[in-house]
Amino acid sequence: MTPNWRTSSYTETQNCVEVADNDPTTVMIRDTKARGRGMIEVQPTTWTAFVEHTKQSQH
């Protein structure tokens, strides 16, 4: 499956990460400034736990 890379709608600069979560078996994360340097792949449940933890930490 071809990754559908996207950045957060809250991003105002290019200093962030891109996420491809269109594959139900894996979530891919890469640096917007170093796309050619590779990516991290995690299971969707791991990504969801990370996002939820980040949301809770912001409050």
PDB file of N, CA and C in Angstrom:
ATOM      1  N   MET A   1       0.850  -1.175   0.000  1.00  0.00           N
ATOM      2  CA  MET A   1       0.000   0.000   0.000  1.00  0.00           C
ATOM      3  C   MET A   1       0.899   1.243   0.000  1.00  0.00           C
ATOM      4  N   THR A   2       0.566   2.186  -0.834  1.00  0.00           N
ATOM      5  CA  THR A   2       1.315   3.432  -0.910  1.00  0.00           C
ATOM      6  C   THR A   2       0.951   4.331   0.274  1.00  0.00           C
ATOM      7  N   PRO A   3       1.960   4.815   1.033  1.00  0.00           N
ATOM      8  CA  PRO A   3       1.670   5.674   2.180  1.00  0.00           C
ATOM      9  C   PRO A   3       1.003   6.980   1.759  1.00  0.00           C
ATOM     10  N   ASN A   4       0.015   7.388   2.511  1.00  0.00           N
ATOM     11  CA  ASN A   4      -0.655   8.668   2.306  1.00  0.00           C
ATOM     12  C   ASN A   4      -0.137   9.616   3.404  1.00  0.00           C
ATOM     13  N   TRP A   5       0.978  10.291   3.124  1.00  0.00           N
ATOM     14  CA  TRP A   5       1.640  11.141   4.113  1.00  0.00           C
ATOM     15  C   TRP A   5       0.844  12.419   4.350  1.00  0.00           C
ATOM     16  N   ARG A   6       0.766  12.815   5.633  1.00  0.00           N
ATOM     17  CA  ARG A   6       0.084  14.057   5.983  1.00  0.00           C
ATOM     18  C   ARG A   6       0.750  14.668   7.207  1.00  0.00           C
ATOM     19  N   THR A   7       0.537  15.956   7.396  1.00  0.00           N
ATOM     20  CA  THR A   7       0.992  16.638   8.607  1.00  0.00           C
ATOM     21  C   THR A   7      -0.238  17.113   9.369  1.00  0.00           C
ATOM     22  N   SER A   8      -0.030  17.489  10.593  1.00  0.00           N
ATOM     23  CA  SER A   8      -1.132  17.974  11.419  1.00  0.00           C
ATOM     24  C   SER A   8      -1.694  19.267  10.862  1.00  0.00           C
ATOM     25  N   SER A   9      -2.986  19.450  10.993  1.00  0.00           N
ATOM     26  CA  SER A   9      -3.608  20.711  10.570  1.00  0.00           C
ATOM     27  C   SER A   9      -3.193  21.860  11.482  1.00  0.00           C
ATOM     28  N   TYR A  10      -2.615  21.540  12.648  1.00  0.00           N
ATOM     29  CA  TYR A  10      -2.155  22.564  13.585  1.00  0.00           C
ATOM     30  C   TYR A  10      -0.740  23.052  13.262  1.00  0.00           C
ATOM     31  N   THR A  11      -0.084  22.401  12.319  1.00  0.00           N
ATOM     32  CA  THR A  11       1.287  22.737  11.983  1.00  0.00           C
ATOM     33  C   THR A  11       1.336  24.041  11.200  1.00  0.00           C
ATOM     34  N   GLU A  12       2.135  24.973  11.693  1.00  0.00           N
ATOM     35  CA  GLU A  12       2.298  26.253  11.000  1.00  0.00           C
ATOM     36  C   GLU A  12       3.666  26.380  10.349  1.00  0.00           C
ATOM     37  N   THR A  13       4.561  25.431  10.609  1.00  0.00           N
ATOM     38  CA  THR A  13       5.893  25.441  10.021  1.00  0.00           C
ATOM     39  C   THR A  13       6.180  24.058   9.468  1.00  0.00           C
ATOM     40  N   GLN A  14       7.350  23.908   8.888  1.00  0.00           N
ATOM     41  CA  GLN A  14       7.774  22.597   8.387  1.00  0.00           C
ATOM     42  C   GLN A  14       8.570  21.824   9.438  1.00  0.00           C
ATOM     43  N   ASN A  15       8.600  22.307  10.674  1.00  0.00           N
ATOM     44  CA  ASN A  15       9.339  21.648  11.750  1.00  0.00           C
ATOM     45  C   ASN A  15       8.439  20.638  12.465  1.00  0.00           C
ATOM     46  N   CYS A  16       8.123  19.587  11.781  1.00  0.00           N
ATOM     47  CA  CYS A  16       7.215  18.611  12.369  1.00  0.00           C
ATOM     48  C   CYS A  16       7.444  17.247  11.738  1.00  0.00           C
ATOM     49  N   VAL A  17       6.538  16.347  12.006  1.00  0.00           N
ATOM     50  CA  VAL A  17       6.596  15.019  11.420  1.00  0.00           C
ATOM     51  C   VAL A  17       5.409  14.816  10.494  1.00  0.00           C
ATOM     52  N   GLU A  18       5.567  13.868   9.614  1.00  0.00           N
ATOM     53  CA  GLU A  18       4.476  13.444   8.743  1.00  0.00           C
ATOM     54  C   GLU A  18       4.065  12.038   9.182  1.00  0.00           C
ATOM     55  N   VAL A  19       2.803  11.755   9.052  1.00  0.00           N
ATOM     56  CA  VAL A  19       2.261  10.460   9.447  1.00  0.00           C
ATOM     57  C   VAL A  19       1.503   9.863   8.270  1.00  0.00           C
ATOM     58  N   ALA A  20       1.692   8.577   8.067  1.00  0.00           N
ATOM     59  CA  ALA A  20       0.902   7.826   7.083  1.00  0.00           C
ATOM     60  C   ALA A  20       0.182   6.731   7.856  1.00  0.00           C
ATOM     61  N   ASP A  21      -1.126   6.876   7.982  1.00  0.00           N
ATOM     62  CA  ASP A  21      -1.895   5.893   8.756  1.00  0.00           C
ATOM     63  C   ASP A  21      -3.025   5.263   7.948  1.00  0.00           C
ATOM     64  N   ASN A  22      -2.834   5.212   6.643  1.00  0.00           N
ATOM     65  CA  ASN A  22      -3.867   4.638   5.781  1.00  0.00           C
ATOM     66  C   ASN A  22      -3.767   3.115   5.651  1.00  0.00           C
ATOM     67  N   ASP A  23      -2.709   2.515   6.189  1.00  0.00           N
ATOM     68  CA  ASP A  23      -2.574   1.055   6.193  1.00  0.00           C
ATOM     69  C   ASP A  23      -3.073   0.552   7.550  1.00  0.00           C
ATOM     70  N   PRO A  24      -4.033  -0.352   7.586  1.00  0.00           N
ATOM     71  CA  PRO A  24      -4.582  -0.796   8.870  1.00  0.00           C
ATOM     72  C   PRO A  24      -3.600  -1.591   9.730  1.00  0.00           C
ATOM     73  N   THR A  25      -2.456  -2.005   9.177  1.00  0.00           N
ATOM     74  CA  THR A  25      -1.513  -2.827   9.939  1.00  0.00           C
ATOM     75  C   THR A  25      -0.315  -2.064  10.485  1.00  0.00           C
ATOM     76  N   THR A  26      -0.089  -0.839  10.014  1.00  0.00           N
ATOM     77  CA  THR A  26       1.090  -0.088  10.458  1.00  0.00           C
ATOM     78  C   THR A  26       0.877   1.412  10.296  1.00  0.00           C
ATOM     79  N   VAL A  27       1.523   2.182  11.165  1.00  0.00           N
ATOM     80  CA  VAL A  27       1.542   3.640  11.059  1.00  0.00           C
ATOM     81  C   VAL A  27       2.999   4.028  10.838  1.00  0.00           C
ATOM     82  N   MET A  28       3.246   4.871   9.839  1.00  0.00           N
ATOM     83  CA  MET A  28       4.603   5.303   9.533  1.00  0.00           C
ATOM     84  C   MET A  28       4.765   6.775   9.900  1.00  0.00           C
ATOM     85  N   ILE A  29       5.921   7.110  10.497  1.00  0.00           N
ATOM     86  CA  ILE A  29       6.210   8.471  10.923  1.00  0.00           C
ATOM     87  C   ILE A  29       7.580   8.849  10.368  1.00  0.00           C
ATOM     88  N   ARG A  30       7.683  10.086   9.824  1.00  0.00           N
ATOM     89  CA  ARG A  30       8.977  10.563   9.329  1.00  0.00           C
ATOM     90  C   ARG A  30       9.107  12.062   9.571  1.00  0.00           C
ATOM     91  N   ASP A  31      10.329  12.534   9.533  1.00  0.00           N
ATOM     92  CA  ASP A  31      10.655  13.940   9.733  1.00  0.00           C
ATOM     93  C   ASP A  31      10.425  14.697   8.429  1.00  0.00           C
ATOM     94  N   THR A  32       9.727  15.827   8.494  1.00  0.00           N
ATOM     95  CA  THR A  32       9.456  16.591   7.277  1.00  0.00           C
ATOM     96  C   THR A  32      10.723  17.171   6.661  1.00  0.00           C
ATOM     97  N   LYS A  33      11.735  17.422   7.480  1.00  0.00           N
ATOM     98  CA  LYS A  33      12.984  17.998   6.971  1.00  0.00           C
ATOM     99  C   LYS A  33      13.974  16.948   6.486  1.00  0.00           C
ATOM    100  N   ALA A  34      13.733  15.697   6.797  1.00  0.00           N
ATOM    101  CA  ALA A  34      14.671  14.631   6.419  1.00  0.00           C
ATOM    102  C   ALA A  34      13.909  13.405   5.929  1.00  0.00           C
ATOM    103  N   ARG A  35      13.059  13.610   4.970  1.00  0.00           N
ATOM    104  CA  ARG A  35      12.207  12.522   4.468  1.00  0.00           C
ATOM    105  C   ARG A  35      13.001  11.327   3.970  1.00  0.00           C
ATOM    106  N   GLY A  36      14.157  11.588   3.384  1.00  0.00           N
ATOM    107  CA  GLY A  36      14.974  10.512   2.830  1.00  0.00           C
ATOM    108  C   GLY A  36      15.758   9.722   3.853  1.00  0.00           C
ATOM    109  N   ARG A  37      15.721  10.130   5.098  1.00  0.00           N
ATOM    110  CA  ARG A  37      16.492   9.446   6.138  1.00  0.00           C
ATOM    111  C   ARG A  37      15.760   8.272   6.768  1.00  0.00           C
ATOM    112  N   GLY A  38      14.611   7.965   6.279  1.00  0.00           N
ATOM    113  CA  GLY A  38      13.890   6.813   6.792  1.00  0.00           C
ATOM    114  C   GLY A  38      12.670   7.195   7.601  1.00  0.00           C
ATOM    115  N   MET A  39      12.072   6.192   8.197  1.00  0.00           N
ATOM    116  CA  MET A  39      10.845   6.395   8.951  1.00  0.00           C
ATOM    117  C   MET A  39      10.781   5.393  10.087  1.00  0.00           C
ATOM    118  N   ILE A  40       9.863   5.642  10.977  1.00  0.00           N
ATOM    119  CA  ILE A  40       9.572   4.723  12.068  1.00  0.00           C
ATOM    120  C   ILE A  40       8.223   4.088  11.759  1.00  0.00           C
ATOM    121  N   GLU A  41       8.141   2.799  11.948  1.00  0.00           N
ATOM    122  CA  GLU A  41       6.869   2.098  11.770  1.00  0.00           C
ATOM    123  C   GLU A  41       6.428   1.538  13.117  1.00  0.00           C
ATOM    124  N   VAL A  42       5.170   1.777  13.464  1.00  0.00           N
ATOM    125  CA  VAL A  42       4.606   1.259  14.713  1.00  0.00           C
ATOM    126  C   VAL A  42       3.232   0.662  14.430  1.00  0.00           C
ATOM    127  N   GLN A  43       2.775  -0.149  15.368  1.00  0.00           N
ATOM    128  CA  GLN A  43       1.439  -0.713  15.244  1.00  0.00           C
ATOM    129  C   GLN A  43       0.407   0.387  15.523  1.00  0.00           C
ATOM    130  N   PRO A  44      -0.751   0.308  14.887  1.00  0.00           N
ATOM    131  CA  PRO A  44      -1.786   1.326  15.106  1.00  0.00           C
ATOM    132  C   PRO A  44      -2.155   1.517  16.583  1.00  0.00           C
ATOM    133  N   THR A  45      -2.174   0.448  17.365  1.00  0.00           N
ATOM    134  CA  THR A  45      -2.509   0.596  18.794  1.00  0.00           C
ATOM    135  C   THR A  45      -1.444   1.391  19.531  1.00  0.00           C
ATOM    136  N   THR A  46      -0.200   1.236  19.140  1.00  0.00           N
ATOM    137  CA  THR A  46       0.894   1.999  19.745  1.00  0.00           C
ATOM    138  C   THR A  46       0.753   3.470  19.397  1.00  0.00           C
ATOM    139  N   TRP A  47       0.444   3.775  18.144  1.00  0.00           N
ATOM    140  CA  TRP A  47       0.272   5.157  17.713  1.00  0.00           C
ATOM    141  C   TRP A  47      -0.908   5.813  18.441  1.00  0.00           C
ATOM    142  N   THR A  48      -2.000   5.101  18.555  1.00  0.00           N
ATOM    143  CA  THR A  48      -3.177   5.631  19.243  1.00  0.00           C
ATOM    144  C   THR A  48      -2.848   5.940  20.700  1.00  0.00           C
ATOM    145  N   ALA A  49      -2.126   5.046  21.368  1.00  0.00           N
ATOM    146  CA  ALA A  49      -1.734   5.271  22.764  1.00  0.00           C
ATOM    147  C   ALA A  49      -0.835   6.505  22.875  1.00  0.00           C
ATOM    148  N   PHE A  50       0.085   6.678  21.946  1.00  0.00           N
ATOM    149  CA  PHE A  50       0.967   7.847  21.942  1.00  0.00           C
ATOM    150  C   PHE A  50       0.176   9.143  21.775  1.00  0.00           C
ATOM    151  N   VAL A  51      -0.734   9.158  20.813  1.00  0.00           N
ATOM    152  CA  VAL A  51      -1.549  10.359  20.561  1.00  0.00           C
ATOM    153  C   VAL A  51      -2.406  10.688  21.781  1.00  0.00           C
ATOM    154  N   GLU A  52      -3.035   9.688  22.374  1.00  0.00           N
ATOM    155  CA  GLU A  52      -3.873   9.924  23.554  1.00  0.00           C
ATOM    156  C   GLU A  52      -3.040  10.442  24.724  1.00  0.00           C
ATOM    157  N   HIS A  53      -1.868   9.891  24.922  1.00  0.00           N
ATOM    158  CA  HIS A  53      -0.983  10.358  25.992  1.00  0.00           C
ATOM    159  C   HIS A  53      -0.574  11.815  25.756  1.00  0.00           C
ATOM    160  N   THR A  54      -0.265  12.148  24.514  1.00  0.00           N
ATOM    161  CA  THR A  54       0.119  13.517  24.176  1.00  0.00           C
ATOM    162  C   THR A  54      -1.027  14.485  24.440  1.00  0.00           C
ATOM    163  N   LYS A  55      -2.234  14.103  24.076  1.00  0.00           N
ATOM    164  CA  LYS A  55      -3.402  14.961  24.335  1.00  0.00           C
ATOM    165  C   LYS A  55      -3.581  15.216  25.828  1.00  0.00           C
ATOM    166  N   GLN A  56      -3.417  14.172  26.637  1.00  0.00           N
ATOM    167  CA  GLN A  56      -3.576  14.306  28.091  1.00  0.00           C
ATOM    168  C   GLN A  56      -2.470  15.165  28.695  1.00  0.00           C
ATOM    169  N   SER A  57      -1.282  15.085  28.145  1.00  0.00           N
ATOM    170  CA  SER A  57      -0.142  15.846  28.667  1.00  0.00           C
ATOM    171  C   SER A  57      -0.264  17.337  28.401  1.00  0.00           C
ATOM    172  N   GLN A  58      -1.084  17.720  27.447  1.00  0.00           N
ATOM    173  CA  GLN A  58      -1.234  19.129  27.085  1.00  0.00           C
ATOM    174  C   GLN A  58      -2.175  19.858  28.024  1.00  0.00           C
ATOM    175  N   HIS A  59      -2.876  19.163  28.871  1.00  0.00           N
ATOM    176  CA  HIS A  59      -3.858  19.802  29.762  1.00  0.00           C
ATOM    177  C   HIS A  59      -3.263  20.116  31.100  1.00  0.00           C
TER     178      HIS A  59
END
